[in-house]
Amino acid sequence: MKKIILLATVFFAVQSFAQQKHPSFMQQGNIYEVNIRQYTPEGTFNAFAKHIPRLKKMGVQTLWLMPIQPISNFGRKGTLGSYYAVADYTSVNPEFGTMNDFNKLI
């Protein structure tokens, strides 16, 4: 009996989740992930911005930027470090440009 109740609960939870509305940007177009450091030889916001018209022609509607914050030096393995080891969540990595450059990109 407990298994039947558990299965019924799971079934109704899944049905409820399936009927939820998702944000419109997720229902149309495609999402393109951008690694600023690797996208151009310069690895900057300004260099990447020049490629946006081409991406738009390809049908890209949403850009998903990999982390753009400065990378921590603490516990770093290798010379570049991990994008996900963020040193400061409120600023941009100076390798990519300035906050003003980022705002222009957006």
PDB file of N, CA and C in Angstrom:
ATOM      1  N   MET A   1       0.825  -1.188   0.000  1.00  0.00           N
ATOM      2  CA  MET A   1       0.000   0.000   0.000  1.00  0.00           C
ATOM      3  C   MET A   1       0.875   1.260   0.000  1.00  0.00           C
ATOM      4  N   LYS A   2       1.945   1.226   0.783  1.00  0.00           N
ATOM      5  CA  LYS A   2       2.837   2.385   0.834  1.00  0.00           C
ATOM      6  C   LYS A   2       3.439   2.665  -0.538  1.00  0.00           C
ATOM      7  N   LYS A   3       3.764   1.593  -1.278  1.00  0.00           N
ATOM      8  CA  LYS A   3       4.335   1.766  -2.612  1.00  0.00           C
ATOM      9  C   LYS A   3       3.336   2.422  -3.556  1.00  0.00           C
ATOM     10  N   ILE A   4       2.079   2.067  -3.459  1.00  0.00           N
ATOM     11  CA  ILE A   4       1.045   2.647  -4.324  1.00  0.00           C
ATOM     12  C   ILE A   4       0.888   4.135  -4.016  1.00  0.00           C
ATOM     13  N   ILE A   5       0.879   4.478  -2.755  1.00  0.00           N
ATOM     14  CA  ILE A   5       0.748   5.883  -2.365  1.00  0.00           C
ATOM     15  C   ILE A   5       1.962   6.674  -2.842  1.00  0.00           C
ATOM     16  N   LEU A   6       3.153   6.093  -2.696  1.00  0.00           N
ATOM     17  CA  LEU A   6       4.369   6.753  -3.153  1.00  0.00           C
ATOM     18  C   LEU A   6       4.335   6.952  -4.666  1.00  0.00           C
ATOM     19  N   LEU A   7       3.954   5.927  -5.415  1.00  0.00           N
ATOM     20  CA  LEU A   7       3.874   6.034  -6.872  1.00  0.00           C
ATOM     21  C   LEU A   7       2.846   7.079  -7.301  1.00  0.00           C
ATOM     22  N   ALA A   8       1.719   7.126  -6.631  1.00  0.00           N
ATOM     23  CA  ALA A   8       0.685   8.113  -6.956  1.00  0.00           C
ATOM     24  C   ALA A   8       1.200   9.523  -6.682  1.00  0.00           C
ATOM     25  N   THR A   9       1.889   9.702  -5.579  1.00  0.00           N
ATOM     26  CA  THR A   9       2.450  11.013  -5.237  1.00  0.00           C
ATOM     27  C   THR A   9       3.463  11.451  -6.291  1.00  0.00           C
ATOM     28  N   VAL A  10       4.354  10.550  -6.673  1.00  0.00           N
ATOM     29  CA  VAL A  10       5.348  10.861  -7.699  1.00  0.00           C
ATOM     30  C   VAL A  10       4.666  11.186  -9.015  1.00  0.00           C
ATOM     31  N   PHE A  11       3.655  10.395  -9.391  1.00  0.00           N
ATOM     32  CA  PHE A  11       2.932  10.618 -10.642  1.00  0.00           C
ATOM     33  C   PHE A  11       2.321  12.018 -10.675  1.00  0.00           C
ATOM     34  N   PHE A  12       1.634  12.410  -9.614  1.00  0.00           N
ATOM     35  CA  PHE A  12       0.990  13.720  -9.594  1.00  0.00           C
ATOM     36  C   PHE A  12       2.006  14.853  -9.532  1.00  0.00           C
ATOM     37  N   ALA A  13       3.120  14.627  -8.863  1.00  0.00           N
ATOM     38  CA  ALA A  13       4.176  15.651  -8.829  1.00  0.00           C
ATOM     39  C   ALA A  13       4.758  15.857 -10.222  1.00  0.00           C
ATOM     40  N   VAL A  14       4.997  14.773 -10.951  1.00  0.00           N
ATOM     41  CA  VAL A  14       5.536  14.869 -12.311  1.00  0.00           C
ATOM     42  C   VAL A  14       4.525  15.562 -13.226  1.00  0.00           C
ATOM     43  N   GLN A  15       3.259  15.216 -13.104  1.00  0.00           N
ATOM     44  CA  GLN A  15       2.219  15.852 -13.923  1.00  0.00           C
ATOM     45  C   GLN A  15       2.148  17.345 -13.645  1.00  0.00           C
ATOM     46  N   SER A  16       2.241  17.714 -12.388  1.00  0.00           N
ATOM     47  CA  SER A  16       2.208  19.129 -12.016  1.00  0.00           C
ATOM     48  C   SER A  16       3.402  19.871 -12.603  1.00  0.00           C
ATOM     49  N   PHE A  17       4.597  19.263 -12.518  1.00  0.00           N
ATOM     50  CA  PHE A  17       5.807  19.871 -13.051  1.00  0.00           C
ATOM     51  C   PHE A  17       5.713  20.031 -14.566  1.00  0.00           C
ATOM     52  N   ALA A  18       5.184  19.032 -15.254  1.00  0.00           N
ATOM     53  CA  ALA A  18       5.096  19.047 -16.717  1.00  0.00           C
ATOM     54  C   ALA A  18       4.173  20.147 -17.212  1.00  0.00           C
ATOM     55  N   GLN A  19       3.226  20.574 -16.407  1.00  0.00           N
ATOM     56  CA  GLN A  19       2.266  21.593 -16.826  1.00  0.00           C
ATOM     57  C   GLN A  19       2.718  23.010 -16.509  1.00  0.00           C
ATOM     58  N   GLN A  20       3.842  23.172 -15.820  1.00  0.00           N
ATOM     59  CA  GLN A  20       4.333  24.507 -15.487  1.00  0.00           C
ATOM     60  C   GLN A  20       4.775  25.227 -16.743  1.00  0.00           C
ATOM     61  N   LYS A  21       4.587  26.532 -16.748  1.00  0.00           N
ATOM     62  CA  LYS A  21       5.034  27.354 -17.866  1.00  0.00           C
ATOM     63  C   LYS A  21       6.514  27.666 -17.693  1.00  0.00           C
ATOM     64  N   HIS A  22       7.258  27.527 -18.770  1.00  0.00           N
ATOM     65  CA  HIS A  22       8.670  27.864 -18.768  1.00  0.00           C
ATOM     66  C   HIS A  22       8.834  29.252 -19.368  1.00  0.00           C
ATOM     67  N   PRO A  23       9.899  29.972 -19.022  1.00  0.00           N
ATOM     68  CA  PRO A  23      10.123  31.296 -19.614  1.00  0.00           C
ATOM     69  C   PRO A  23      10.153  31.202 -21.141  1.00  0.00           C
ATOM     70  N   SER A  24       9.638  32.230 -21.799  1.00  0.00           N
ATOM     71  CA  SER A  24       9.510  32.190 -23.258  1.00  0.00           C
ATOM     72  C   SER A  24      10.853  32.015 -23.961  1.00  0.00           C
ATOM     73  N   PHE A  25      11.955  32.550 -23.382  1.00  0.00           N
ATOM     74  CA  PHE A  25      13.240  32.412 -24.061  1.00  0.00           C
ATOM     75  C   PHE A  25      13.690  30.951 -24.133  1.00  0.00           C
ATOM     76  N   MET A  26      13.124  30.094 -23.269  1.00  0.00           N
ATOM     77  CA  MET A  26      13.492  28.684 -23.294  1.00  0.00           C
ATOM     78  C   MET A  26      12.657  27.895 -24.305  1.00  0.00           C
ATOM     79  N   GLN A  27      11.576  28.484 -24.794  1.00  0.00           N
ATOM     80  CA  GLN A  27      10.666  27.757 -25.668  1.00  0.00           C
ATOM     81  C   GLN A  27      10.940  27.997 -27.146  1.00  0.00           C
ATOM     82  N   GLN A  28      11.801  28.920 -27.453  1.00  0.00           N
ATOM     83  CA  GLN A  28      12.048  29.222 -28.862  1.00  0.00           C
ATOM     84  C   GLN A  28      13.523  29.506 -29.094  1.00  0.00           C
ATOM     85  N   GLY A  29      13.934  29.352 -30.339  1.00  0.00           N
ATOM     86  CA  GLY A  29      15.307  29.665 -30.700  1.00  0.00           C
ATOM     87  C   GLY A  29      16.299  28.704 -30.076  1.00  0.00           C
ATOM     88  N   ASN A  30      17.548  29.130 -30.088  1.00  0.00           N
ATOM     89  CA  ASN A  30      18.578  28.281 -29.492  1.00  0.00           C
ATOM     90  C   ASN A  30      19.457  29.110 -28.575  1.00  0.00           C
ATOM     91  N   ILE A  31      20.129  28.410 -27.694  1.00  0.00           N
ATOM     92  CA  ILE A  31      21.021  29.035 -26.721  1.00  0.00           C
ATOM     93  C   ILE A  31      22.444  28.661 -27.106  1.00  0.00           C
ATOM     94  N   TYR A  32      23.315  29.659 -27.155  1.00  0.00           N
ATOM     95  CA  TYR A  32      24.697  29.459 -27.568  1.00  0.00           C
ATOM     96  C   TYR A  32      25.608  29.821 -26.410  1.00  0.00           C
ATOM     97  N   GLU A  33      26.402  28.863 -25.938  1.00  0.00           N
ATOM     98  CA  GLU A  33      27.319  29.124 -24.823  1.00  0.00           C
ATOM     99  C   GLU A  33      28.601  29.764 -25.346  1.00  0.00           C
ATOM    100  N   VAL A  34      29.025  30.829 -24.675  1.00  0.00           N
ATOM    101  CA  VAL A  34      30.196  31.581 -25.117  1.00  0.00           C
ATOM    102  C   VAL A  34      31.288  31.528 -24.049  1.00  0.00           C
ATOM    103  N   ASN A  35      32.447  31.111 -24.481  1.00  0.00           N
ATOM    104  CA  ASN A  35      33.637  31.127 -23.649  1.00  0.00           C
ATOM    105  C   ASN A  35      34.468  32.313 -24.165  1.00  0.00           C
ATOM    106  N   ILE A  36      34.379  33.452 -23.501  1.00  0.00           N
ATOM    107  CA  ILE A  36      35.025  34.682 -23.975  1.00  0.00           C
ATOM    108  C   ILE A  36      36.520  34.468 -24.187  1.00  0.00           C
ATOM    109  N   ARG A  37      37.179  33.796 -23.265  1.00  0.00           N
ATOM    110  CA  ARG A  37      38.629  33.587 -23.350  1.00  0.00           C
ATOM    111  C   ARG A  37      39.015  32.819 -24.619  1.00  0.00           C
ATOM    112  N   GLN A  38      38.197  31.856 -25.026  1.00  0.00           N
ATOM    113  CA  GLN A  38      38.543  30.984 -26.143  1.00  0.00           C
ATOM    114  C   GLN A  38      37.923  31.404 -27.478  1.00  0.00           C
ATOM    115  N   TYR A  39      36.932  32.286 -27.465  1.00  0.00           N
ATOM    116  CA  TYR A  39      36.163  32.558 -28.685  1.00  0.00           C
ATOM    117  C   TYR A  39      36.976  33.282 -29.758  1.00  0.00           C
ATOM    118  N   THR A  40      37.812  34.212 -29.341  1.00  0.00           N
ATOM    119  CA  THR A  40      38.640  34.962 -30.290  1.00  0.00           C
ATOM    120  C   THR A  40      40.101  34.899 -29.841  1.00  0.00           C
ATOM    121  N   PRO A  41      41.028  35.199 -30.736  1.00  0.00           N
ATOM    122  CA  PRO A  41      42.435  35.233 -30.315  1.00  0.00           C
ATOM    123  C   PRO A  41      42.685  36.255 -29.200  1.00  0.00           C
ATOM    124  N   GLU A  42      41.943  37.378 -29.242  1.00  0.00           N
ATOM    125  CA  GLU A  42      42.125  38.419 -28.218  1.00  0.00           C
ATOM    126  C   GLU A  42      41.518  38.003 -26.879  1.00  0.00           C
ATOM    127  N   GLY A  43      40.418  37.238 -26.923  1.00  0.00           N
ATOM    128  CA  GLY A  43      39.760  36.787 -25.702  1.00  0.00           C
ATOM    129  C   GLY A  43      39.125  37.908 -24.906  1.00  0.00           C
ATOM    130  N   THR A  44      38.535  38.898 -25.595  1.00  0.00           N
ATOM    131  CA  THR A  44      37.942  40.048 -24.904  1.00  0.00           C
ATOM    132  C   THR A  44      36.472  40.218 -25.291  1.00  0.00           C
ATOM    133  N   PHE A  45      35.767  40.996 -24.467  1.00  0.00           N
ATOM    134  CA  PHE A  45      34.372  41.317 -24.767  1.00  0.00           C
ATOM    135  C   PHE A  45      34.261  42.043 -26.112  1.00  0.00           C
ATOM    136  N   ASN A  46      35.146  43.010 -26.324  1.00  0.00           N
ATOM    137  CA  ASN A  46      35.082  43.807 -27.556  1.00  0.00           C
ATOM    138  C   ASN A  46      35.329  42.951 -28.796  1.00  0.00           C
ATOM    139  N   ALA A  47      36.260  42.015 -28.721  1.00  0.00           N
ATOM    140  CA  ALA A  47      36.530  41.135 -29.862  1.00  0.00           C
ATOM    141  C   ALA A  47      35.334  40.223 -30.114  1.00  0.00           C
ATOM    142  N   PHE A  48      34.725  39.710 -29.052  1.00  0.00           N
ATOM    143  CA  PHE A  48      33.561  38.842 -29.221  1.00  0.00           C
ATOM    144  C   PHE A  48      32.370  39.609 -29.795  1.00  0.00           C
ATOM    145  N   ALA A  49      32.174  40.844 -29.374  1.00  0.00           N
ATOM    146  CA  ALA A  49      31.016  41.635 -29.818  1.00  0.00           C
ATOM    147  C   ALA A  49      30.929  41.714 -31.339  1.00  0.00           C
ATOM    148  N   LYS A  50      32.041  41.690 -32.016  1.00  0.00           N
ATOM    149  CA  LYS A  50      32.052  41.766 -33.479  1.00  0.00           C
ATOM    150  C   LYS A  50      31.416  40.528 -34.117  1.00  0.00           C
ATOM    151  N   HIS A  51      31.295  39.446 -33.376  1.00  0.00           N
ATOM    152  CA  HIS A  51      30.746  38.194 -33.903  1.00  0.00           C
ATOM    153  C   HIS A  51      29.242  38.050 -33.675  1.00  0.00           C
ATOM    154  N   ILE A  52      28.652  38.944 -32.914  1.00  0.00           N
ATOM    155  CA  ILE A  52      27.227  38.827 -32.591  1.00  0.00           C
ATOM    156  C   ILE A  52      26.340  38.870 -33.836  1.00  0.00           C
ATOM    157  N   PRO A  53      26.568  39.763 -34.813  1.00  0.00           N
ATOM    158  CA  PRO A  53      25.705  39.744 -36.004  1.00  0.00           C
ATOM    159  C   PRO A  53      25.714  38.395 -36.734  1.00  0.00           C
ATOM    160  N   ARG A  54      26.871  37.752 -36.807  1.00  0.00           N
ATOM    161  CA  ARG A  54      26.960  36.442 -37.464  1.00  0.00           C
ATOM    162  C   ARG A  54      26.175  35.394 -36.676  1.00  0.00           C
ATOM    163  N   LEU A  55      26.291  35.429 -35.353  1.00  0.00           N
ATOM    164  CA  LEU A  55      25.549  34.479 -34.529  1.00  0.00           C
ATOM    165  C   LEU A  55      24.046  34.700 -34.671  1.00  0.00           C
ATOM    166  N   LYS A  56      23.648  35.964 -34.755  1.00  0.00           N
ATOM    167  CA  LYS A  56      22.223  36.269 -34.937  1.00  0.00           C
ATOM    168  C   LYS A  56      21.721  35.709 -36.263  1.00  0.00           C
ATOM    169  N   LYS A  57      22.525  35.827 -37.330  1.00  0.00           N
ATOM    170  CA  LYS A  57      22.155  35.263 -38.630  1.00  0.00           C
ATOM    171  C   LYS A  57      22.004  33.748 -38.560  1.00  0.00           C
ATOM    172  N   MET A  58      22.767  33.127 -37.678  1.00  0.00           N
ATOM    173  CA  MET A  58      22.699  31.675 -37.506  1.00  0.00           C
ATOM    174  C   MET A  58      21.458  31.256 -36.719  1.00  0.00           C
ATOM    175  N   GLY A  59      20.719  32.230 -36.181  1.00  0.00           N
ATOM    176  CA  GLY A  59      19.509  31.922 -35.427  1.00  0.00           C
ATOM    177  C   GLY A  59      19.682  31.907 -33.927  1.00  0.00           C
ATOM    178  N   VAL A  60      20.847  32.292 -33.448  1.00  0.00           N
ATOM    179  CA  VAL A  60      21.078  32.323 -32.006  1.00  0.00           C
ATOM    180  C   VAL A  60      20.255  33.459 -31.409  1.00  0.00           C
ATOM    181  N   GLN A  61      19.460  33.129 -30.380  1.00  0.00           N
ATOM    182  CA  GLN A  61      18.625  34.137 -29.725  1.00  0.00           C
ATOM    183  C   GLN A  61      19.073  34.436 -28.300  1.00  0.00           C
ATOM    184  N   THR A  62      19.789  33.509 -27.699  1.00  0.00           N
ATOM    185  CA  THR A  62      20.226  33.694 -26.318  1.00  0.00           C
ATOM    186  C   THR A  62      21.694  33.318 -26.211  1.00  0.00           C
ATOM    187  N   LEU A  63      22.485  34.195 -25.602  1.00  0.00           N
ATOM    188  CA  LEU A  63      23.894  33.902 -25.345  1.00  0.00           C
ATOM    189  C   LEU A  63      24.056  33.531 -23.878  1.00  0.00           C
ATOM    190  N   TRP A  64      24.709  32.427 -23.639  1.00  0.00           N
ATOM    191  CA  TRP A  64      24.986  31.947 -22.281  1.00  0.00           C
ATOM    192  C   TRP A  64      26.489  32.123 -22.077  1.00  0.00           C
ATOM    193  N   LEU A  65      26.873  33.112 -21.276  1.00  0.00           N
ATOM    194  CA  LEU A  65      28.290  33.379 -21.045  1.00  0.00           C
ATOM    195  C   LEU A  65      28.825  32.495 -19.930  1.00  0.00           C
ATOM    196  N   MET A  66      29.967  31.876 -20.187  1.00  0.00           N
ATOM    197  CA  MET A  66      30.665  31.185 -19.102  1.00  0.00           C
ATOM    198  C   MET A  66      31.069  32.258 -18.084  1.00  0.00           C
ATOM    199  N   PRO A  67      31.403  31.884 -16.864  1.00  0.00           N
ATOM    200  CA  PRO A  67      31.738  32.896 -15.858  1.00  0.00           C
ATOM    201  C   PRO A  67      32.755  33.920 -16.377  1.00  0.00           C
ATOM    202  N   ILE A  68      32.465  35.181 -16.085  1.00  0.00           N
ATOM    203  CA  ILE A  68      33.306  36.289 -16.563  1.00  0.00           C
ATOM    204  C   ILE A  68      34.033  36.981 -15.419  1.00  0.00           C
ATOM    205  N   GLN A  69      33.868  36.488 -14.199  1.00  0.00           N
ATOM    206  CA  GLN A  69      34.497  37.105 -13.035  1.00  0.00           C
ATOM    207  C   GLN A  69      35.983  36.726 -12.982  1.00  0.00           C
ATOM    208  N   PRO A  70      36.752  37.495 -12.201  1.00  0.00           N
ATOM    209  CA  PRO A  70      38.169  37.148 -12.025  1.00  0.00           C
ATOM    210  C   PRO A  70      38.316  35.744 -11.427  1.00  0.00           C
ATOM    211  N   ILE A  71      39.338  35.038 -11.874  1.00  0.00           N
ATOM    212  CA  ILE A  71      39.581  33.676 -11.417  1.00  0.00           C
ATOM    213  C   ILE A  71      40.505  33.707 -10.200  1.00  0.00           C
ATOM    214  N   SER A  72      40.128  32.935  -9.196  1.00  0.00           N
ATOM    215  CA  SER A  72      40.906  32.889  -7.961  1.00  0.00           C
ATOM    216  C   SER A  72      42.266  32.234  -8.180  1.00  0.00           C
ATOM    217  N   ASN A  73      43.236  32.675  -7.410  1.00  0.00           N
ATOM    218  CA  ASN A  73      44.560  32.054  -7.424  1.00  0.00           C
ATOM    219  C   ASN A  73      44.691  30.981  -6.355  1.00  0.00           C
ATOM    220  N   PHE A  74      43.787  30.992  -5.370  1.00  0.00           N
ATOM    221  CA  PHE A  74      43.847  30.054  -4.255  1.00  0.00           C
ATOM    222  C   PHE A  74      43.615  28.625  -4.747  1.00  0.00           C
ATOM    223  N   GLY A  75      44.540  27.733  -4.499  1.00  0.00           N
ATOM    224  CA  GLY A  75      44.402  26.330  -4.863  1.00  0.00           C
ATOM    225  C   GLY A  75      44.400  26.066  -6.360  1.00  0.00           C
ATOM    226  N   ARG A  76      44.913  26.996  -7.134  1.00  0.00           N
ATOM    227  CA  ARG A  76      44.893  26.874  -8.593  1.00  0.00           C
ATOM    228  C   ARG A  76      45.738  25.701  -9.055  1.00  0.00           C
ATOM    229  N   LYS A  77      45.192  24.965 -10.002  1.00  0.00           N
ATOM    230  CA  LYS A  77      45.919  23.873 -10.642  1.00  0.00           C
ATOM    231  C   LYS A  77      46.146  24.291 -12.084  1.00  0.00           C
ATOM    232  N   GLY A  78      47.390  24.481 -12.475  1.00  0.00           N
ATOM    233  CA  GLY A  78      47.690  24.953 -13.820  1.00  0.00           C
ATOM    234  C   GLY A  78      47.831  26.467 -13.848  1.00  0.00           C
ATOM    235  N   THR A  79      48.066  27.000 -15.021  1.00  0.00           N
ATOM    236  CA  THR A  79      48.327  28.438 -15.131  1.00  0.00           C
ATOM    237  C   THR A  79      47.070  29.264 -15.321  1.00  0.00           C
ATOM    238  N   LEU A  80      46.030  28.693 -15.940  1.00  0.00           N
ATOM    239  CA  LEU A  80      44.831  29.474 -16.230  1.00  0.00           C
ATOM    240  C   LEU A  80      43.810  29.451 -15.107  1.00  0.00           C
ATOM    241  N   GLY A  81      43.690  28.360 -14.404  1.00  0.00           N
ATOM    242  CA  GLY A  81      42.692  28.231 -13.361  1.00  0.00           C
ATOM    243  C   GLY A  81      41.322  27.912 -13.939  1.00  0.00           C
ATOM    244  N   SER A  82      40.357  27.700 -13.063  1.00  0.00           N
ATOM    245  CA  SER A  82      38.999  27.340 -13.464  1.00  0.00           C
ATOM    246  C   SER A  82      38.092  28.565 -13.449  1.00  0.00           C
ATOM    247  N   TYR A  83      37.278  28.695 -14.480  1.00  0.00           N
ATOM    248  CA  TYR A  83      36.296  29.781 -14.524  1.00  0.00           C
ATOM    249  C   TYR A  83      35.371  29.761 -13.324  1.00  0.00           C
ATOM    250  N   TYR A  84      35.151  28.583 -12.789  1.00  0.00           N
ATOM    251  CA  TYR A  84      34.193  28.440 -11.705  1.00  0.00           C
ATOM    252  C   TYR A  84      34.792  28.697 -10.324  1.00  0.00           C
ATOM    253  N   ALA A  85      36.095  28.963 -10.256  1.00  0.00           N
ATOM    254  CA  ALA A  85      36.742  29.348  -9.003  1.00  0.00           C
ATOM    255  C   ALA A  85      36.822  30.873  -8.996  1.00  0.00           C
ATOM    256  N   VAL A  86      35.710  31.487  -8.690  1.00  0.00           N
ATOM    257  CA  VAL A  86      35.573  32.941  -8.797  1.00  0.00           C
ATOM    258  C   VAL A  86      36.196  33.641  -7.590  1.00  0.00           C
ATOM    259  N   ALA A  87      36.983  34.667  -7.873  1.00  0.00           N
ATOM    260  CA  ALA A  87      37.636  35.437  -6.811  1.00  0.00           C
ATOM    261  C   ALA A  87      36.758  36.592  -6.327  1.00  0.00           C
ATOM    262  N   ASP A  88      35.966  37.178  -7.223  1.00  0.00           N
ATOM    263  CA  ASP A  88      35.144  38.341  -6.876  1.00  0.00           C
ATOM    264  C   ASP A  88      33.894  38.321  -7.748  1.00  0.00           C
ATOM    265  N   TYR A  89      32.754  38.071  -7.131  1.00  0.00           N
ATOM    266  CA  TYR A  89      31.500  37.950  -7.874  1.00  0.00           C
ATOM    267  C   TYR A  89      30.960  39.286  -8.392  1.00  0.00           C
ATOM    268  N   THR A  90      31.542  40.389  -7.978  1.00  0.00           N
ATOM    269  CA  THR A  90      30.997  41.696  -8.352  1.00  0.00           C
ATOM    270  C   THR A  90      31.798  42.411  -9.433  1.00  0.00           C
ATOM    271  N   SER A  91      32.814  41.764  -9.994  1.00  0.00           N
ATOM    272  CA  SER A  91      33.612  42.435 -11.022  1.00  0.00           C
ATOM    273  C   SER A  91      33.855  41.483 -12.188  1.00  0.00           C
ATOM    274  N   VAL A  92      34.440  42.021 -13.238  1.00  0.00           N
ATOM    275  CA  VAL A  92      34.750  41.196 -14.407  1.00  0.00           C
ATOM    276  C   VAL A  92      36.249  40.943 -14.457  1.00  0.00           C
ATOM    277  N   ASN A  93      36.602  39.839 -15.089  1.00  0.00           N
ATOM    278  CA  ASN A  93      38.007  39.473 -15.252  1.00  0.00           C
ATOM    279  C   ASN A  93      38.665  40.529 -16.146  1.00  0.00           C
ATOM    280  N   PRO A  94      39.711  41.206 -15.674  1.00  0.00           N
ATOM    281  CA  PRO A  94      40.347  42.247 -16.486  1.00  0.00           C
ATOM    282  C   PRO A  94      40.939  41.717 -17.794  1.00  0.00           C
ATOM    283  N   GLU A  95      41.170  40.389 -17.882  1.00  0.00           N
ATOM    284  CA  GLU A  95      41.637  39.812 -19.153  1.00  0.00           C
ATOM    285  C   GLU A  95      40.598  40.018 -20.260  1.00  0.00           C
ATOM    286  N   PHE A  96      39.319  40.084 -19.878  1.00  0.00           N
ATOM    287  CA  PHE A  96      38.235  40.192 -20.854  1.00  0.00           C
ATOM    288  C   PHE A  96      37.902  41.641 -21.198  1.00  0.00           C
ATOM    289  N   GLY A  97      38.281  42.557 -20.348  1.00  0.00           N
ATOM    290  CA  GLY A  97      37.957  43.972 -20.548  1.00  0.00           C
ATOM    291  C   GLY A  97      37.465  44.573 -19.249  1.00  0.00           C
ATOM    292  N   THR A  98      36.773  45.682 -19.373  1.00  0.00           N
ATOM    293  CA  THR A  98      36.267  46.401 -18.207  1.00  0.00           C
ATOM    294  C   THR A  98      34.778  46.138 -18.023  1.00  0.00           C
ATOM    295  N   MET A  99      34.252  46.589 -16.904  1.00  0.00           N
ATOM    296  CA  MET A  99      32.807  46.495 -16.674  1.00  0.00           C
ATOM    297  C   MET A  99      32.061  47.289 -17.746  1.00  0.00           C
ATOM    298  N   ASN A 100      32.628  48.394 -18.170  1.00  0.00           N
ATOM    299  CA  ASN A 100      32.015  49.186 -19.236  1.00  0.00           C
ATOM    300  C   ASN A 100      31.970  48.390 -20.551  1.00  0.00           C
ATOM    301  N   ASP A 101      33.054  47.681 -20.863  1.00  0.00           N
ATOM    302  CA  ASP A 101      33.079  46.818 -22.061  1.00  0.00           C
ATOM    303  C   ASP A 101      31.994  45.753 -21.964  1.00  0.00           C
ATOM    304  N   PHE A 102      31.834  45.167 -20.787  1.00  0.00           N
ATOM    305  CA  PHE A 102      30.810  44.144 -20.586  1.00  0.00           C
ATOM    306  C   PHE A 102      29.422  44.734 -20.783  1.00  0.00           C
ATOM    307  N   ASN A 103      29.194  45.913 -20.208  1.00  0.00           N
ATOM    308  CA  ASN A 103      27.880  46.562 -20.358  1.00  0.00           C
ATOM    309  C   ASN A 103      27.583  46.876 -21.817  1.00  0.00           C
ATOM    310  N   LYS A 104      28.582  47.287 -22.586  1.00  0.00           N
ATOM    311  CA  LYS A 104      28.382  47.513 -24.023  1.00  0.00           C
ATOM    312  C   LYS A 104      28.025  46.216 -24.739  1.00  0.00           C
ATOM    313  N   LEU A 105      28.663  45.138 -24.350  1.00  0.00           N
ATOM    314  CA  LEU A 105      28.368  43.837 -24.962  1.00  0.00           C
ATOM    315  C   LEU A 105      26.921  43.454 -24.712  1.00  0.00           C
ATOM    316  N   ILE A 106      26.473  43.654 -23.490  1.00  0.00           N
ATOM    317  CA  ILE A 106      25.093  43.308 -23.138  1.00  0.00           C
ATOM    318  C   ILE A 106      24.131  44.223 -23.861  1.00  0.00           C
TER     319      ILE A 106
END
